C-alpha atoms as a PDB file:
ATOM      1  CA  MET A   1     164.191 178.104  65.132  1.00  0.00           C
ATOM      2  CA  GLU A   2     166.133 178.265  68.842  1.00  0.00           C
ATOM      3  CA  LEU A   3     165.138 181.110  71.281  1.00  0.00           C
ATOM      4  CA  HIS A   4     167.446 181.454  74.055  1.00  0.00           C
ATOM      5  CA  THR A   5     167.433 183.692  77.449  1.00  0.00           C
ATOM      6  CA  GLU A   6     169.209 183.871  80.658  1.00  0.00           C
ATOM      7  CA  ARG A   7     168.784 180.835  81.642  1.00  0.00           C
ATOM      8  CA  LEU A   8     166.789 178.665  79.164  1.00  0.00           C
ATOM      9  CA  LEU A   9     167.587 177.460  75.914  1.00  0.00           C
ATOM     10  CA  LEU A  10     164.207 177.405  73.747  1.00  0.00           C
ATOM     11  CA  ARG A  11     164.518 174.546  71.059  1.00  0.00           C
ATOM     12  CA  GLN A  12     162.035 172.824  68.550  1.00  0.00           C
ATOM     13  CA  TRP A  13     161.091 168.969  69.805  1.00  0.00           C
ATOM     14  CA  GLN A  14     162.667 166.061  68.596  1.00  0.00           C
ATOM     15  CA  GLU A  15     161.466 162.312  68.527  1.00  0.00           C
ATOM     16  CA  ASN A  16     164.573 161.651  71.372  1.00  0.00           C
ATOM     17  CA  ASP A  17     162.877 163.689  73.439  1.00  0.00           C
ATOM     18  CA  ALA A  18     160.080 161.135  74.177  1.00  0.00           C
ATOM     19  CA  ALA A  19     161.750 160.003  77.027  1.00  0.00           C
ATOM     20  CA  ALA A  20     161.796 163.169  78.740  1.00  0.00           C
ATOM     21  CA  LEU A  21     158.902 164.286  78.104  1.00  0.00           C
ATOM     22  CA  PHE A  22     157.315 160.986  79.005  1.00  0.00           C
ATOM     23  CA  ARG A  23     159.324 161.510  82.703  1.00  0.00           C
ATOM     24  CA  HIS A  24     157.710 164.918  83.363  1.00  0.00           C
ATOM     25  CA  ALA A  25     154.211 164.505  81.525  1.00  0.00           C
ATOM     26  CA  SER A  26     153.391 161.214  83.484  1.00  0.00           C
ATOM     27  CA  ASP A  27     152.432 163.416  86.662  1.00  0.00           C
ATOM     28  CA  PRO A  28     149.016 163.597  87.212  1.00  0.00           C
ATOM     29  CA  CYS A  29     149.679 167.000  88.550  1.00  0.00           C
ATOM     30  CA  VAL A  30     151.210 168.335  85.209  1.00  0.00           C
ATOM     31  CA  GLY A  31     148.865 167.622  82.459  1.00  0.00           C
ATOM     32  CA  ALA A  32     145.304 168.029  84.525  1.00  0.00           C
ATOM     33  CA  ALA A  33     146.344 171.509  85.130  1.00  0.00           C
ATOM     34  CA  ALA A  34     146.544 172.345  81.784  1.00  0.00           C
ATOM     35  CA  GLY A  35     143.966 170.359  80.766  1.00  0.00           C
ATOM     36  CA  TRP A  36     145.415 167.359  78.824  1.00  0.00           C
ATOM     37  CA  GLU A  37     145.753 163.622  79.428  1.00  0.00           C
ATOM     38  CA  THR A  38     148.661 162.367  81.907  1.00  0.00           C
ATOM     39  CA  HIS A  39     150.849 160.537  79.183  1.00  0.00           C
ATOM     40  CA  ARG A  40     150.604 157.214  79.516  1.00  0.00           C
ATOM     41  CA  ASN A  41     154.688 155.586  78.149  1.00  0.00           C
ATOM     42  CA  ALA A  42     157.279 157.250  76.134  1.00  0.00           C
ATOM     43  CA  GLU A  43     155.448 155.909  73.008  1.00  0.00           C
ATOM     44  CA  TYR A  44     152.263 157.936  73.732  1.00  0.00           C
ATOM     45  CA  SER A  45     154.808 161.027  74.245  1.00  0.00           C
ATOM     46  CA  ARG A  46     156.631 160.355  71.160  1.00  0.00           C
ATOM     47  CA  ALA A  47     153.349 160.086  68.961  1.00  0.00           C
ATOM     48  CA  ALA A  48     152.490 163.731  70.787  1.00  0.00           C
ATOM     49  CA  ILE A  49     155.464 165.180  69.476  1.00  0.00           C
ATOM     50  CA  ARG A  50     154.942 163.883  66.092  1.00  0.00           C
ATOM     51  CA  ARG A  51     151.366 164.865  66.149  1.00  0.00           C
ATOM     52  CA  PHE A  52     151.710 168.266  67.559  1.00  0.00           C
ATOM     53  CA  LEU A  53     155.134 169.002  69.748  1.00  0.00           C
ATOM     54  CA  ALA A  54     157.359 169.301  66.692  1.00  0.00           C
ATOM     55  CA  GLU A  55     155.152 171.680  64.571  1.00  0.00           C
ATOM     56  CA  GLY A  56     155.400 174.927  64.154  1.00  0.00           C
ATOM     57  CA  GLU A  57     155.824 177.517  67.144  1.00  0.00           C
ATOM     58  CA  ILE A  58     155.997 175.150  69.849  1.00  0.00           C
ATOM     59  CA  TYR A  59     159.489 174.821  71.932  1.00  0.00           C
ATOM     60  CA  ALA A  60     160.828 172.562  74.501  1.00  0.00           C
ATOM     61  CA  ILE A  61     162.280 174.110  77.551  1.00  0.00           C
ATOM     62  CA  VAL A  62     165.847 172.716  78.508  1.00  0.00           C
ATOM     63  CA  PRO A  63     167.551 174.710  81.277  1.00  0.00           C
ATOM     64  CA  GLN A  64     170.631 175.630  80.082  1.00  0.00           C
ATOM     65  CA  GLY A  65     173.649 173.516  81.149  1.00  0.00           C
ATOM     66  CA  GLU A  66     170.723 170.600  80.358  1.00  0.00           C
ATOM     67  CA  SER A  67     170.579 168.240  77.483  1.00  0.00           C
ATOM     68  CA  GLU A  68     166.663 167.719  78.130  1.00  0.00           C
ATOM     69  CA  PRO A  69     163.551 169.388  78.352  1.00  0.00           C
ATOM     70  CA  VAL A  70     161.669 170.067  81.146  1.00  0.00           C
ATOM     71  CA  GLY A  71     158.167 171.982  79.657  1.00  0.00           C
ATOM     72  CA  SER A  72     157.257 173.174  76.942  1.00  0.00           C
ATOM     73  CA  ILE A  73     155.477 176.323  75.422  1.00  0.00           C
ATOM     74  CA  GLY A  74     154.146 177.293  72.196  1.00  0.00           C
ATOM     75  CA  LEU A  75     152.451 180.235  70.137  1.00  0.00           C
ATOM     76  CA  TRP A  76     149.479 179.446  68.406  1.00  0.00           C
ATOM     77  CA  LEU A  77     148.788 182.262  65.518  1.00  0.00           C
ATOM     78  CA  GLN A  78     144.950 182.657  65.001  1.00  0.00           C
ATOM     79  CA  ALA A  79     144.901 180.151  62.263  1.00  0.00           C
ATOM     80  CA  ASP A  80     145.486 177.154  64.774  1.00  0.00           C
ATOM     81  CA  ALA A  81     144.323 178.526  68.087  1.00  0.00           C
ATOM     82  CA  GLU A  82     141.515 177.233  69.596  1.00  0.00           C
ATOM     83  CA  CYS A  83     140.863 180.458  72.316  1.00  0.00           C
ATOM     84  CA  CYS A  84     138.424 182.207  71.923  1.00  0.00           C
ATOM     85  CA  ALA A  85     136.091 183.990  69.672  1.00  0.00           C
ATOM     86  CA  GLU A  86     137.090 187.484  70.353  1.00  0.00           C
ATOM     87  CA  MET A  87     140.610 186.810  68.431  1.00  0.00           C
ATOM     88  CA  ARG A  88     141.721 188.470  65.597  1.00  0.00           C
ATOM     89  CA  PRO A  89     143.281 187.562  62.060  1.00  0.00           C
ATOM     90  CA  ASN A  90     146.910 188.377  63.819  1.00  0.00           C
ATOM     91  CA  ASP A  91     146.515 187.270  67.391  1.00  0.00           C
ATOM     92  CA  GLY A  92     148.527 184.358  68.907  1.00  0.00           C
ATOM     93  CA  GLU A  93     147.305 182.316  71.868  1.00  0.00           C
ATOM     94  CA  LEU A  94     149.965 181.537  74.305  1.00  0.00           C
ATOM     95  CA  GLY A  95     150.425 178.024  76.168  1.00  0.00           C
ATOM     96  CA  TYR A  96     152.453 176.517  78.152  1.00  0.00           C
ATOM     97  CA  TRP A  97     153.653 174.008  81.385  1.00  0.00           C
ATOM     98  CA  ILE A  98     157.032 173.480  83.174  1.00  0.00           C
ATOM     99  CA  ALA A  99     157.854 169.979  85.196  1.00  0.00           C
ATOM    100  CA  LYS A 100     156.805 170.377  88.746  1.00  0.00           C
ATOM    101  CA  PRO A 101     160.279 170.097  90.496  1.00  0.00           C
ATOM    102  CA  TYR A 102     160.929 173.356  88.168  1.00  0.00           C
ATOM    103  CA  TRP A 103     157.986 175.529  89.395  1.00  0.00           C
ATOM    104  CA  GLY A 104     158.716 178.136  91.374  1.00  0.00           C
ATOM    105  CA  ARG A 105     161.953 179.002  90.108  1.00  0.00           C
ATOM    106  CA  GLY A 106     160.953 182.282  87.724  1.00  0.00           C
ATOM    107  CA  LEU A 107     161.662 179.801  84.622  1.00  0.00           C
ATOM    108  CA  MET A 108     158.322 180.431  83.046  1.00  0.00           C
ATOM    109  CA  PRO A 109     157.990 183.888  82.946  1.00  0.00           C
ATOM    110  CA  GLU A 110     161.470 184.395  81.718  1.00  0.00           C
ATOM    111  CA  ALA A 111     160.298 181.525  78.759  1.00  0.00           C
ATOM    112  CA  VAL A 112     156.877 183.499  78.499  1.00  0.00           C
ATOM    113  CA  ARG A 113     158.906 186.760  77.723  1.00  0.00           C
ATOM    114  CA  GLU A 114     161.142 185.560  75.345  1.00  0.00           C
ATOM    115  CA  VAL A 115     158.164 184.249  73.317  1.00  0.00           C
ATOM    116  CA  LEU A 116     156.213 187.247  73.875  1.00  0.00           C
ATOM    117  CA  ARG A 117     159.592 189.370  72.376  1.00  0.00           C
ATOM    118  CA  HIS A 118     159.313 186.643  69.590  1.00  0.00           C
ATOM    119  CA  GLY A 119     155.401 187.043  68.727  1.00  0.00           C
ATOM    120  CA  PHE A 120     155.643 190.427  68.894  1.00  0.00           C
ATOM    121  CA  ALA A 121     158.972 191.558  67.387  1.00  0.00           C
ATOM    122  CA  ASP A 122     159.606 188.620  65.038  1.00  0.00           C
ATOM    123  CA  LEU A 123     156.339 187.201  63.646  1.00  0.00           C
ATOM    124  CA  GLY A 124     154.286 191.101  64.017  1.00  0.00           C
ATOM    125  CA  LEU A 125     151.418 189.969  65.984  1.00  0.00           C
ATOM    126  CA  ASP A 126     148.994 192.454  67.166  1.00  0.00           C
ATOM    127  CA  ALA A 127     147.706 190.548  70.528  1.00  0.00           C
ATOM    128  CA  ILE A 128     148.586 187.316  72.029  1.00  0.00           C
ATOM    129  CA  TRP A 129     145.666 185.587  74.581  1.00  0.00           C
ATOM    130  CA  CYS A 130     146.521 182.953  77.204  1.00  0.00           C
ATOM    131  CA  GLY A 131     143.877 180.926  79.098  1.00  0.00           C
ATOM    132  CA  TYR A 132     143.696 179.044  82.233  1.00  0.00           C
ATOM    133  CA  TYR A 133     141.607 176.814  83.834  1.00  0.00           C
ATOM    134  CA  ALA A 134     139.483 177.868  87.088  1.00  0.00           C
ATOM    135  CA  GLY A 135     141.757 176.703  89.848  1.00  0.00           C
ATOM    136  CA  ASN A 136     145.356 176.613  88.395  1.00  0.00           C
ATOM    137  CA  GLU A 137     146.982 179.611  90.179  1.00  0.00           C
ATOM    138  CA  GLN A 138     150.239 179.108  88.941  1.00  0.00           C
ATOM    139  CA  SER A 139     149.099 179.732  85.150  1.00  0.00           C
ATOM    140  CA  ARG A 140     147.485 182.655  86.597  1.00  0.00           C
ATOM    141  CA  ARG A 141     150.636 184.169  88.061  1.00  0.00           C
ATOM    142  CA  VAL A 142     152.713 183.641  85.514  1.00  0.00           C
ATOM    143  CA  GLN A 143     150.309 185.552  82.707  1.00  0.00           C
ATOM    144  CA  GLU A 144     150.027 188.089  85.683  1.00  0.00           C
ATOM    145  CA  LYS A 145     153.719 188.930  85.654  1.00  0.00           C
ATOM    146  CA  CYS A 146     154.458 188.947  82.150  1.00  0.00           C
ATOM    147  CA  GLY A 147     151.578 191.540  81.536  1.00  0.00           C
ATOM    148  CA  PHE A 148     148.474 190.127  80.195  1.00  0.00           C
ATOM    149  CA  GLN A 149     145.091 191.195  81.576  1.00  0.00           C
ATOM    150  CA  TYR A 150     142.091 189.525  82.200  1.00  0.00           C
ATOM    151  CA  HIS A 151     139.431 189.643  79.329  1.00  0.00           C
ATOM    152  CA  HIS A 152     136.674 187.162  80.518  1.00  0.00           C
ATOM    153  CA  THR A 153     135.546 183.594  81.719  1.00  0.00           C
ATOM    154  CA  GLU A 154     134.292 180.467  79.565  1.00  0.00           C
ATOM    155  CA  THR A 155     132.483 178.117  80.772  1.00  0.00           C
ATOM    156  CA  ASP A 156     131.497 174.603  80.387  1.00  0.00           C
ATOM    157  CA  LYS A 157     134.786 174.227  77.955  1.00  0.00           C
ATOM    158  CA  PRO A 158     135.646 170.683  76.955  1.00  0.00           C
ATOM    159  CA  THR A 159     139.588 169.986  77.694  1.00  0.00           C
ATOM    160  CA  GLN A 160     141.507 167.239  76.116  1.00  0.00           C
ATOM    161  CA  ILE A 161     140.406 164.630  79.142  1.00  0.00           C
ATOM    162  CA  ALA A 162     137.645 162.847  77.817  1.00  0.00           C
ATOM    163  CA  GLY A 163     134.486 163.679  79.311  1.00  0.00           C
ATOM    164  CA  ASP A 164     136.667 167.094  81.118  1.00  0.00           C
ATOM    165  CA  ARG A 165     134.481 170.123  81.095  1.00  0.00           C
ATOM    166  CA  ARG A 166     135.882 173.245  83.120  1.00  0.00           C
ATOM    167  CA  THR A 167     135.558 176.590  83.568  1.00  0.00           C
ATOM    168  CA  GLU A 168     138.539 178.307  81.786  1.00  0.00           C
ATOM    169  CA  HIS A 169     139.517 182.854  82.624  1.00  0.00           C
ATOM    170  CA  PHE A 170     141.206 184.443  78.993  1.00  0.00           C
ATOM    171  CA  SER A 171     143.963 187.126  79.605  1.00  0.00           C
ATOM    172  CA  ARG A 172     145.297 188.936  76.627  1.00  0.00           C
ATOM    173  CA  LEU A 173     148.212 191.044  75.989  1.00  0.00           C
ATOM    174  CA  LYS A 174     148.369 193.614  73.312  1.00  0.00           C
ATOM    175  CA  LYS A 175     151.556 194.614  71.334  1.00  0.00           C
ATOM    176  CA  GLU A 176     151.594 198.310  72.861  1.00  0.00           C
ATOM    177  CA  GLU A 177     151.052 197.044  75.956  1.00  0.00           C
ATOM    178  CA  TRP A 178     153.806 194.570  75.580  1.00  0.00           C
ATOM    179  CA  ARG A 179     155.494 197.447  74.581  1.00  0.00           C
ATOM    180  CA  ALA A 180     154.968 199.870  77.570  1.00  0.00           C
ATOM    181  CA  ILE A 181     156.201 197.249  79.884  1.00  0.00           C
ATOM    182  CA  LYS A 182     159.415 195.960  78.232  1.00  0.00           C
ATOM    183  CA  ASN A 183     160.316 199.775  77.834  1.00  0.00           C
END
């Protein structure tokens, strides 16, 4: 499946995206802020694509006119989500990152809005949750721009980085709130 915005193509990850994924996910500023390990080499990136990026509602972010992904955005349905206990059976969890050279261009809010549309209009979700670790102000701003409302904070949350525990802030957007924003 593909999703389109004015400036982006959101498409499934492919194994031949491994070199581009490594180029961007090897930047410690990117993965560390999102709570995952910096990619070590292209094979590590290829394994990440095989393990979880090439499944379900996870999309490579490709700017129009370019051929390689510069980020990722995903929507995990409640059964697969790792968000928080407050999630209901018809809720989803949103996660995203974009390469540092693309920060500050408004691309991530654009991608988030399209995935929100897909989640609510196509998948029929009731609410979508999103978290960010303390200090990740860029992610907080993206969520605010897209209409998410702060819900709660959890402390001492483990990340994918070995031994790392952080404070995570959670926000939520309900379908009826999304409808009011988009109209």
